[in-house]
Amino acid sequence: TEIYTLSLHDALPISQAATDYPISRRTRFTESLTAAGRRPGREEAEALGLAQGDPVHLAETLSRLDGAPVAASRMCWPAARLPGFLEALKASGSITNALAACQVPDYERAWTRMTAQRPGAILARQLQIPDVQPVLRTEALSLTPDGVPIEYGLTWI
């Protein structure tokens, strides 16, 4: 498990594959990525109700079953709302306990979206599967009981 605090513009999906990015005198980041069929990473900011560049806590995990990798996850939480979260997460190893230590005693799933996709080379290596084997990808948002976005996550199973 790797745990970070970073700004949203620094975040890359765990399965980030190579993207052709033409360089010219008029290169435009969003236009180039959109033309390549990619979306710049604004999902986290939108889901968590944050501005681009607001700091988030980020954890990337690899879950195992009987020693074999079965799921890779990338989760983020709004850093300004959760001071001390990373320390609590490192100490307890539990997201629920870390949130409780930050005065978030409960949270619930607002929505989950599921798709299937090819994993890409990095994710395939992590999950120890061929890069042509489809994986289930979930995207989820959790809220505090009063409706405040508290966790955004992607999981590849």
N, C-alpha and C. Protein backbone atom coordinates (compact mmCIF):
# COMPACT_ATOMS: atom_id res chain seq x y z
N THR A 1 0.84 -1.18 0.00
CA THR A 1 0.00 0.00 0.00
C THR A 1 0.88 1.23 0.00
N GLU A 2 0.59 2.14 -0.91
CA GLU A 2 1.29 3.40 -0.96
C GLU A 2 0.29 4.50 -0.62
N ILE A 3 0.69 5.46 0.20
CA ILE A 3 -0.21 6.52 0.64
C ILE A 3 0.48 7.85 0.42
N TYR A 4 -0.24 8.80 -0.17
CA TYR A 4 0.32 10.09 -0.51
C TYR A 4 -0.66 11.21 -0.18
N THR A 5 -0.13 12.41 -0.07
CA THR A 5 -0.93 13.62 -0.16
C THR A 5 -0.39 14.36 -1.36
N LEU A 6 -1.26 14.77 -2.27
CA LEU A 6 -0.83 15.46 -3.46
C LEU A 6 -1.95 16.33 -3.97
N SER A 7 -1.64 17.14 -4.96
CA SER A 7 -2.66 17.95 -5.61
C SER A 7 -3.29 17.14 -6.71
N LEU A 8 -4.56 17.42 -7.02
CA LEU A 8 -5.27 16.63 -8.01
C LEU A 8 -4.60 16.66 -9.37
N HIS A 9 -3.96 17.75 -9.73
CA HIS A 9 -3.33 17.79 -11.05
C HIS A 9 -2.11 16.88 -11.13
N ASP A 10 -1.63 16.38 -10.00
CA ASP A 10 -0.50 15.45 -9.98
C ASP A 10 -0.94 14.00 -10.13
N ALA A 11 -2.22 13.72 -9.94
CA ALA A 11 -2.70 12.34 -9.86
C ALA A 11 -2.83 11.69 -11.23
N LEU A 12 -2.37 10.45 -11.33
CA LEU A 12 -2.52 9.65 -12.54
C LEU A 12 -3.19 8.35 -12.17
N PRO A 13 -4.06 7.82 -13.04
CA PRO A 13 -4.66 6.51 -12.75
C PRO A 13 -3.60 5.45 -12.61
N ILE A 14 -3.87 4.45 -11.80
CA ILE A 14 -2.93 3.38 -11.56
C ILE A 14 -2.61 2.63 -12.85
N SER A 15 -3.56 2.58 -13.79
CA SER A 15 -3.36 1.85 -15.03
C SER A 15 -2.98 2.76 -16.18
N GLN A 16 -2.40 3.90 -15.87
CA GLN A 16 -2.07 4.87 -16.92
C GLN A 16 -1.24 4.23 -18.01
N ALA A 17 -1.78 4.20 -19.20
CA ALA A 17 -1.07 3.65 -20.35
C ALA A 17 -0.44 4.80 -21.12
N ALA A 18 0.52 4.45 -21.99
CA ALA A 18 1.16 5.47 -22.81
C ALA A 18 0.14 6.11 -23.74
N THR A 19 0.28 7.40 -23.94
CA THR A 19 -0.61 8.15 -24.82
C THR A 19 0.24 8.95 -25.79
N ASP A 20 -0.12 8.90 -27.07
CA ASP A 20 0.56 9.74 -28.04
C ASP A 20 0.21 11.19 -27.73
N TYR A 21 1.23 12.03 -27.67
CA TYR A 21 1.03 13.43 -27.32
C TYR A 21 1.86 14.27 -28.29
N PRO A 22 1.23 14.74 -29.38
CA PRO A 22 2.00 15.50 -30.37
C PRO A 22 2.47 16.84 -29.80
N ILE A 23 3.72 17.17 -30.06
CA ILE A 23 4.29 18.43 -29.62
C ILE A 23 4.43 19.34 -30.84
N SER A 24 3.88 20.52 -30.72
CA SER A 24 3.97 21.49 -31.81
C SER A 24 4.02 22.88 -31.21
N ARG A 25 4.05 23.88 -32.07
CA ARG A 25 4.07 25.26 -31.57
C ARG A 25 2.77 25.63 -30.89
N ARG A 26 1.67 24.92 -31.17
CA ARG A 26 0.38 25.25 -30.59
C ARG A 26 -0.18 24.07 -29.78
N THR A 27 0.67 23.36 -29.07
CA THR A 27 0.23 22.21 -28.28
C THR A 27 -0.71 22.67 -27.17
N ARG A 28 -1.82 21.98 -27.03
CA ARG A 28 -2.80 22.24 -25.97
C ARG A 28 -3.07 20.93 -25.25
N PHE A 29 -2.82 20.91 -23.96
CA PHE A 29 -2.91 19.69 -23.17
C PHE A 29 -4.27 19.00 -23.32
N THR A 30 -5.35 19.68 -22.96
CA THR A 30 -6.67 19.06 -22.98
C THR A 30 -7.06 18.64 -24.38
N GLU A 31 -6.81 19.49 -25.37
CA GLU A 31 -7.17 19.14 -26.75
C GLU A 31 -6.39 17.92 -27.22
N SER A 32 -5.11 17.84 -26.91
CA SER A 32 -4.30 16.70 -27.34
C SER A 32 -4.78 15.40 -26.70
N LEU A 33 -5.04 15.44 -25.40
CA LEU A 33 -5.50 14.22 -24.73
C LEU A 33 -6.90 13.83 -25.20
N THR A 34 -7.77 14.79 -25.40
CA THR A 34 -9.11 14.49 -25.89
C THR A 34 -9.04 13.89 -27.28
N ALA A 35 -8.19 14.42 -28.14
CA ALA A 35 -8.02 13.89 -29.49
C ALA A 35 -7.47 12.46 -29.45
N ALA A 36 -6.71 12.12 -28.42
CA ALA A 36 -6.17 10.77 -28.28
C ALA A 36 -7.16 9.85 -27.58
N GLY A 37 -8.37 10.35 -27.31
CA GLY A 37 -9.38 9.52 -26.66
C GLY A 37 -9.23 9.44 -25.16
N ARG A 38 -8.49 10.35 -24.54
CA ARG A 38 -8.27 10.34 -23.10
C ARG A 38 -8.95 11.55 -22.47
N ARG A 39 -9.18 11.46 -21.17
CA ARG A 39 -9.75 12.59 -20.43
C ARG A 39 -8.75 13.02 -19.37
N PRO A 40 -8.47 14.31 -19.29
CA PRO A 40 -7.61 14.78 -18.20
C PRO A 40 -8.24 14.44 -16.85
N GLY A 41 -7.43 14.24 -15.80
CA GLY A 41 -7.91 13.78 -14.51
C GLY A 41 -8.67 14.80 -13.70
N ARG A 42 -9.93 15.00 -14.03
CA ARG A 42 -10.77 15.91 -13.25
C ARG A 42 -11.86 15.17 -12.51
N GLU A 43 -11.92 13.86 -12.70
CA GLU A 43 -12.98 13.07 -12.08
C GLU A 43 -12.96 13.21 -10.56
N GLU A 44 -11.78 13.13 -9.97
CA GLU A 44 -11.68 13.22 -8.52
C GLU A 44 -12.18 14.56 -8.01
N ALA A 45 -11.73 15.63 -8.64
CA ALA A 45 -12.12 16.97 -8.20
C ALA A 45 -13.63 17.14 -8.29
N GLU A 46 -14.20 16.75 -9.42
CA GLU A 46 -15.65 16.90 -9.59
C GLU A 46 -16.41 16.05 -8.58
N ALA A 47 -16.01 14.79 -8.42
CA ALA A 47 -16.72 13.90 -7.51
C ALA A 47 -16.65 14.37 -6.07
N LEU A 48 -15.49 14.89 -5.66
CA LEU A 48 -15.31 15.32 -4.28
C LEU A 48 -15.70 16.77 -4.04
N GLY A 49 -16.15 17.45 -5.08
CA GLY A 49 -16.54 18.85 -4.94
C GLY A 49 -15.37 19.77 -4.67
N LEU A 50 -14.22 19.47 -5.28
CA LEU A 50 -13.01 20.26 -5.06
C LEU A 50 -12.64 21.02 -6.32
N ALA A 51 -11.83 22.03 -6.14
CA ALA A 51 -11.27 22.76 -7.28
C ALA A 51 -10.04 22.03 -7.76
N GLN A 52 -9.77 22.13 -9.07
CA GLN A 52 -8.55 21.54 -9.62
C GLN A 52 -7.35 22.09 -8.85
N GLY A 53 -6.47 21.20 -8.41
CA GLY A 53 -5.30 21.62 -7.65
C GLY A 53 -5.47 21.54 -6.15
N ASP A 54 -6.71 21.36 -5.64
CA ASP A 54 -6.90 21.20 -4.20
C ASP A 54 -6.19 19.92 -3.76
N PRO A 55 -5.57 19.91 -2.60
CA PRO A 55 -4.85 18.71 -2.16
C PRO A 55 -5.80 17.58 -1.78
N VAL A 56 -5.38 16.37 -2.08
CA VAL A 56 -6.11 15.17 -1.69
C VAL A 56 -5.13 14.19 -1.06
N HIS A 57 -5.65 13.31 -0.23
CA HIS A 57 -4.89 12.17 0.25
C HIS A 57 -5.16 11.06 -0.75
N LEU A 58 -4.13 10.33 -1.14
CA LEU A 58 -4.25 9.28 -2.14
C LEU A 58 -3.64 7.99 -1.62
N ALA A 59 -4.36 6.89 -1.79
CA ALA A 59 -3.83 5.58 -1.43
C ALA A 59 -4.04 4.65 -2.60
N GLU A 60 -2.99 3.94 -2.96
CA GLU A 60 -3.07 2.90 -3.98
C GLU A 60 -2.80 1.57 -3.28
N THR A 61 -3.70 0.63 -3.48
CA THR A 61 -3.59 -0.65 -2.78
C THR A 61 -3.67 -1.80 -3.76
N LEU A 62 -3.13 -2.92 -3.34
CA LEU A 62 -3.25 -4.17 -4.08
C LEU A 62 -3.78 -5.19 -3.09
N SER A 63 -5.00 -5.66 -3.34
CA SER A 63 -5.63 -6.64 -2.45
C SER A 63 -5.31 -8.05 -2.93
N ARG A 64 -5.09 -8.93 -1.98
CA ARG A 64 -4.73 -10.31 -2.30
C ARG A 64 -5.72 -11.27 -1.66
N LEU A 65 -5.90 -12.41 -2.31
CA LEU A 65 -6.72 -13.49 -1.79
C LEU A 65 -5.87 -14.75 -1.88
N ASP A 66 -5.63 -15.37 -0.74
CA ASP A 66 -4.74 -16.55 -0.68
C ASP A 66 -3.39 -16.27 -1.33
N GLY A 67 -2.89 -15.06 -1.17
CA GLY A 67 -1.58 -14.68 -1.67
C GLY A 67 -1.56 -14.18 -3.11
N ALA A 68 -2.65 -14.33 -3.84
CA ALA A 68 -2.70 -13.91 -5.24
C ALA A 68 -3.39 -12.54 -5.35
N PRO A 69 -2.85 -11.65 -6.17
CA PRO A 69 -3.49 -10.34 -6.33
C PRO A 69 -4.84 -10.48 -7.03
N VAL A 70 -5.87 -9.82 -6.48
CA VAL A 70 -7.21 -9.89 -7.07
C VAL A 70 -7.79 -8.52 -7.41
N ALA A 71 -7.27 -7.46 -6.79
CA ALA A 71 -7.81 -6.13 -7.05
C ALA A 71 -6.76 -5.06 -6.77
N ALA A 72 -6.75 -4.07 -7.64
CA ALA A 72 -5.91 -2.89 -7.43
C ALA A 72 -6.86 -1.70 -7.26
N SER A 73 -6.59 -0.86 -6.30
CA SER A 73 -7.46 0.28 -6.03
C SER A 73 -6.67 1.56 -5.95
N ARG A 74 -7.35 2.64 -6.28
CA ARG A 74 -6.79 3.98 -6.15
C ARG A 74 -7.90 4.83 -5.53
N MET A 75 -7.71 5.27 -4.29
CA MET A 75 -8.73 6.01 -3.58
C MET A 75 -8.19 7.36 -3.16
N CYS A 76 -9.06 8.35 -3.14
CA CYS A 76 -8.62 9.66 -2.65
C CYS A 76 -9.69 10.29 -1.79
N TRP A 77 -9.21 11.13 -0.89
CA TRP A 77 -10.04 11.82 0.09
C TRP A 77 -9.62 13.28 0.13
N PRO A 78 -10.54 14.21 0.38
CA PRO A 78 -10.18 15.64 0.43
C PRO A 78 -9.29 15.93 1.64
N ALA A 79 -8.08 16.37 1.38
CA ALA A 79 -7.10 16.58 2.45
C ALA A 79 -7.54 17.66 3.43
N ALA A 80 -8.12 18.75 2.94
CA ALA A 80 -8.51 19.85 3.83
C ALA A 80 -9.59 19.42 4.82
N ARG A 81 -10.45 18.48 4.42
CA ARG A 81 -11.52 18.01 5.31
C ARG A 81 -11.03 16.96 6.30
N LEU A 82 -9.84 16.39 6.05
CA LEU A 82 -9.38 15.26 6.86
C LEU A 82 -7.94 15.41 7.34
N PRO A 83 -7.65 16.47 8.13
CA PRO A 83 -6.29 16.58 8.65
C PRO A 83 -5.99 15.38 9.56
N GLY A 84 -4.79 14.85 9.43
CA GLY A 84 -4.39 13.71 10.24
C GLY A 84 -4.84 12.36 9.68
N PHE A 85 -5.52 12.36 8.54
CA PHE A 85 -6.05 11.13 7.97
C PHE A 85 -4.94 10.12 7.63
N LEU A 86 -3.89 10.59 6.96
CA LEU A 86 -2.84 9.67 6.55
C LEU A 86 -2.17 8.99 7.73
N GLU A 87 -1.92 9.75 8.78
CA GLU A 87 -1.32 9.17 9.97
C GLU A 87 -2.24 8.12 10.58
N ALA A 88 -3.55 8.43 10.63
CA ALA A 88 -4.52 7.48 11.18
C ALA A 88 -4.62 6.24 10.29
N LEU A 89 -4.55 6.41 8.99
CA LEU A 89 -4.61 5.28 8.07
C LEU A 89 -3.37 4.39 8.22
N LYS A 90 -2.22 5.02 8.31
CA LYS A 90 -0.99 4.24 8.50
C LYS A 90 -1.02 3.48 9.82
N ALA A 91 -1.54 4.12 10.86
CA ALA A 91 -1.56 3.50 12.18
C ALA A 91 -2.56 2.34 12.26
N SER A 92 -3.73 2.51 11.66
CA SER A 92 -4.77 1.50 11.81
C SER A 92 -4.85 0.52 10.65
N GLY A 93 -4.43 0.96 9.46
CA GLY A 93 -4.57 0.12 8.28
C GLY A 93 -6.01 0.00 7.82
N SER A 94 -6.90 0.79 8.39
CA SER A 94 -8.33 0.71 8.08
C SER A 94 -8.85 2.08 7.66
N ILE A 95 -9.47 2.15 6.51
CA ILE A 95 -10.06 3.41 6.06
C ILE A 95 -11.16 3.84 7.01
N THR A 96 -12.02 2.92 7.41
CA THR A 96 -13.13 3.25 8.32
C THR A 96 -12.60 3.81 9.63
N ASN A 97 -11.56 3.18 10.20
CA ASN A 97 -10.99 3.66 11.46
C ASN A 97 -10.30 5.01 11.28
N ALA A 98 -9.61 5.19 10.15
CA ALA A 98 -8.94 6.46 9.89
C ALA A 98 -9.95 7.59 9.73
N LEU A 99 -11.04 7.33 9.03
CA LEU A 99 -12.09 8.36 8.90
C LEU A 99 -12.70 8.67 10.26
N ALA A 100 -12.95 7.65 11.06
CA ALA A 100 -13.52 7.87 12.40
C ALA A 100 -12.58 8.73 13.25
N ALA A 101 -11.27 8.51 13.11
CA ALA A 101 -10.30 9.32 13.85
C ALA A 101 -10.31 10.78 13.40
N CYS A 102 -10.85 11.02 12.22
CA CYS A 102 -10.95 12.38 11.66
C CYS A 102 -12.37 12.91 11.76
N GLN A 103 -13.12 12.42 12.72
CA GLN A 103 -14.48 12.90 12.99
C GLN A 103 -15.48 12.56 11.88
N VAL A 104 -15.23 11.47 11.15
CA VAL A 104 -16.20 10.96 10.16
C VAL A 104 -16.54 9.54 10.63
N PRO A 105 -17.51 9.43 11.58
CA PRO A 105 -17.80 8.12 12.16
C PRO A 105 -18.52 7.16 11.23
N ASP A 106 -19.10 7.68 10.15
CA ASP A 106 -19.82 6.81 9.23
C ASP A 106 -19.79 7.43 7.84
N TYR A 107 -19.92 6.60 6.83
CA TYR A 107 -20.02 7.06 5.45
C TYR A 107 -20.77 5.99 4.67
N GLU A 108 -21.34 6.39 3.55
CA GLU A 108 -22.10 5.44 2.75
C GLU A 108 -21.86 5.69 1.28
N ARG A 109 -22.06 4.65 0.49
CA ARG A 109 -21.85 4.73 -0.94
C ARG A 109 -22.96 5.55 -1.59
N ALA A 110 -22.58 6.56 -2.36
CA ALA A 110 -23.54 7.36 -3.10
C ALA A 110 -23.87 6.71 -4.44
N TRP A 111 -22.81 6.24 -5.11
CA TRP A 111 -23.00 5.55 -6.38
C TRP A 111 -21.77 4.73 -6.72
N THR A 112 -21.98 3.74 -7.58
CA THR A 112 -20.90 2.92 -8.13
C THR A 112 -21.18 2.74 -9.61
N ARG A 113 -20.16 2.91 -10.43
CA ARG A 113 -20.27 2.65 -11.87
C ARG A 113 -19.31 1.51 -12.20
N MET A 114 -19.76 0.58 -13.03
CA MET A 114 -18.92 -0.56 -13.39
C MET A 114 -18.79 -0.67 -14.90
N THR A 115 -17.58 -0.98 -15.33
CA THR A 115 -17.30 -1.23 -16.74
C THR A 115 -16.25 -2.34 -16.81
N ALA A 116 -16.08 -2.88 -18.00
CA ALA A 116 -15.00 -3.82 -18.24
C ALA A 116 -14.01 -3.15 -19.17
N GLN A 117 -12.73 -3.45 -18.99
CA GLN A 117 -11.71 -2.84 -19.84
C GLN A 117 -10.46 -3.71 -19.84
N ARG A 118 -9.60 -3.49 -20.83
CA ARG A 118 -8.29 -4.12 -20.81
C ARG A 118 -7.45 -3.40 -19.76
N PRO A 119 -6.60 -4.12 -19.04
CA PRO A 119 -5.91 -3.50 -17.92
C PRO A 119 -4.72 -2.62 -18.27
N GLY A 120 -4.11 -2.78 -19.40
CA GLY A 120 -2.86 -2.07 -19.66
C GLY A 120 -1.71 -2.81 -19.00
N ALA A 121 -0.50 -2.53 -19.43
CA ALA A 121 0.67 -3.30 -19.02
C ALA A 121 0.96 -3.21 -17.52
N ILE A 122 0.89 -2.03 -16.94
CA ILE A 122 1.24 -1.87 -15.52
C ILE A 122 0.25 -2.59 -14.63
N LEU A 123 -1.04 -2.37 -14.87
CA LEU A 123 -2.06 -3.01 -14.05
C LEU A 123 -2.03 -4.53 -14.25
N ALA A 124 -1.85 -4.98 -15.48
CA ALA A 124 -1.77 -6.43 -15.74
C ALA A 124 -0.63 -7.05 -14.95
N ARG A 125 0.50 -6.36 -14.91
CA ARG A 125 1.64 -6.88 -14.15
C ARG A 125 1.31 -6.94 -12.66
N GLN A 126 0.64 -5.90 -12.14
CA GLN A 126 0.27 -5.90 -10.73
C GLN A 126 -0.68 -7.04 -10.40
N LEU A 127 -1.65 -7.27 -11.29
CA LEU A 127 -2.65 -8.31 -11.04
C LEU A 127 -2.18 -9.69 -11.53
N GLN A 128 -1.01 -9.73 -12.14
CA GLN A 128 -0.42 -10.97 -12.64
C GLN A 128 -1.35 -11.68 -13.62
N ILE A 129 -1.84 -10.89 -14.60
CA ILE A 129 -2.71 -11.42 -15.65
C ILE A 129 -2.21 -10.93 -17.00
N PRO A 130 -2.62 -11.58 -18.10
CA PRO A 130 -2.25 -11.07 -19.42
C PRO A 130 -2.90 -9.71 -19.66
N ASP A 131 -2.21 -8.82 -20.38
CA ASP A 131 -2.77 -7.47 -20.59
C ASP A 131 -3.95 -7.45 -21.55
N VAL A 132 -4.31 -8.60 -22.12
CA VAL A 132 -5.50 -8.68 -22.96
C VAL A 132 -6.70 -9.24 -22.20
N GLN A 133 -6.49 -9.67 -20.97
CA GLN A 133 -7.59 -10.21 -20.16
C GLN A 133 -8.40 -9.05 -19.58
N PRO A 134 -9.69 -8.97 -19.87
CA PRO A 134 -10.49 -7.86 -19.33
C PRO A 134 -10.55 -7.90 -17.81
N VAL A 135 -10.66 -6.72 -17.22
CA VAL A 135 -10.87 -6.59 -15.78
C VAL A 135 -12.14 -5.79 -15.55
N LEU A 136 -12.75 -6.00 -14.40
CA LEU A 136 -13.90 -5.20 -14.00
C LEU A 136 -13.36 -3.94 -13.36
N ARG A 137 -13.81 -2.78 -13.82
CA ARG A 137 -13.38 -1.50 -13.27
C ARG A 137 -14.57 -0.86 -12.58
N THR A 138 -14.42 -0.54 -11.30
CA THR A 138 -15.47 0.17 -10.59
C THR A 138 -14.99 1.57 -10.25
N GLU A 139 -15.89 2.50 -10.31
CA GLU A 139 -15.67 3.89 -9.91
C GLU A 139 -16.74 4.18 -8.88
N ALA A 140 -16.37 4.72 -7.72
CA ALA A 140 -17.35 4.89 -6.66
C ALA A 140 -17.12 6.19 -5.88
N LEU A 141 -18.21 6.71 -5.36
CA LEU A 141 -18.17 7.89 -4.50
C LEU A 141 -18.90 7.58 -3.22
N SER A 142 -18.28 7.92 -2.09
CA SER A 142 -18.92 7.77 -0.78
C SER A 142 -19.11 9.13 -0.15
N LEU A 143 -20.18 9.24 0.64
CA LEU A 143 -20.57 10.49 1.29
C LEU A 143 -20.66 10.30 2.80
N THR A 144 -20.51 11.40 3.52
CA THR A 144 -20.81 11.39 4.95
C THR A 144 -22.33 11.31 5.08
N PRO A 145 -22.85 10.98 6.27
CA PRO A 145 -24.31 10.91 6.42
C PRO A 145 -25.04 12.21 6.08
N ASP A 146 -24.34 13.36 6.18
CA ASP A 146 -24.99 14.62 5.82
C ASP A 146 -24.75 15.00 4.36
N GLY A 147 -24.25 14.05 3.54
CA GLY A 147 -24.17 14.25 2.11
C GLY A 147 -22.90 14.89 1.58
N VAL A 148 -21.86 14.99 2.38
CA VAL A 148 -20.61 15.60 1.94
C VAL A 148 -19.72 14.53 1.30
N PRO A 149 -19.24 14.74 0.06
CA PRO A 149 -18.35 13.75 -0.56
C PRO A 149 -17.08 13.58 0.27
N ILE A 150 -16.73 12.30 0.55
CA ILE A 150 -15.59 12.05 1.41
C ILE A 150 -14.57 11.09 0.81
N GLU A 151 -15.00 10.24 -0.14
CA GLU A 151 -14.05 9.28 -0.74
C GLU A 151 -14.44 9.00 -2.18
N TYR A 152 -13.45 9.08 -3.06
CA TYR A 152 -13.63 8.72 -4.47
C TYR A 152 -12.64 7.61 -4.76
N GLY A 153 -13.08 6.56 -5.42
CA GLY A 153 -12.17 5.48 -5.67
C GLY A 153 -12.40 4.76 -6.99
N LEU A 154 -11.31 4.21 -7.48
CA LEU A 154 -11.32 3.34 -8.66
C LEU A 154 -10.74 2.00 -8.23
N THR A 155 -11.38 0.92 -8.66
CA THR A 155 -10.88 -0.41 -8.37
C THR A 155 -10.93 -1.25 -9.63
N TRP A 156 -9.86 -2.00 -9.86
CA TRP A 156 -9.78 -2.92 -10.99
C TRP A 156 -9.70 -4.32 -10.43
N ILE A 157 -10.65 -5.18 -10.81
CA ILE A 157 -10.76 -6.53 -10.23
C ILE A 157 -10.53 -7.55 -11.34
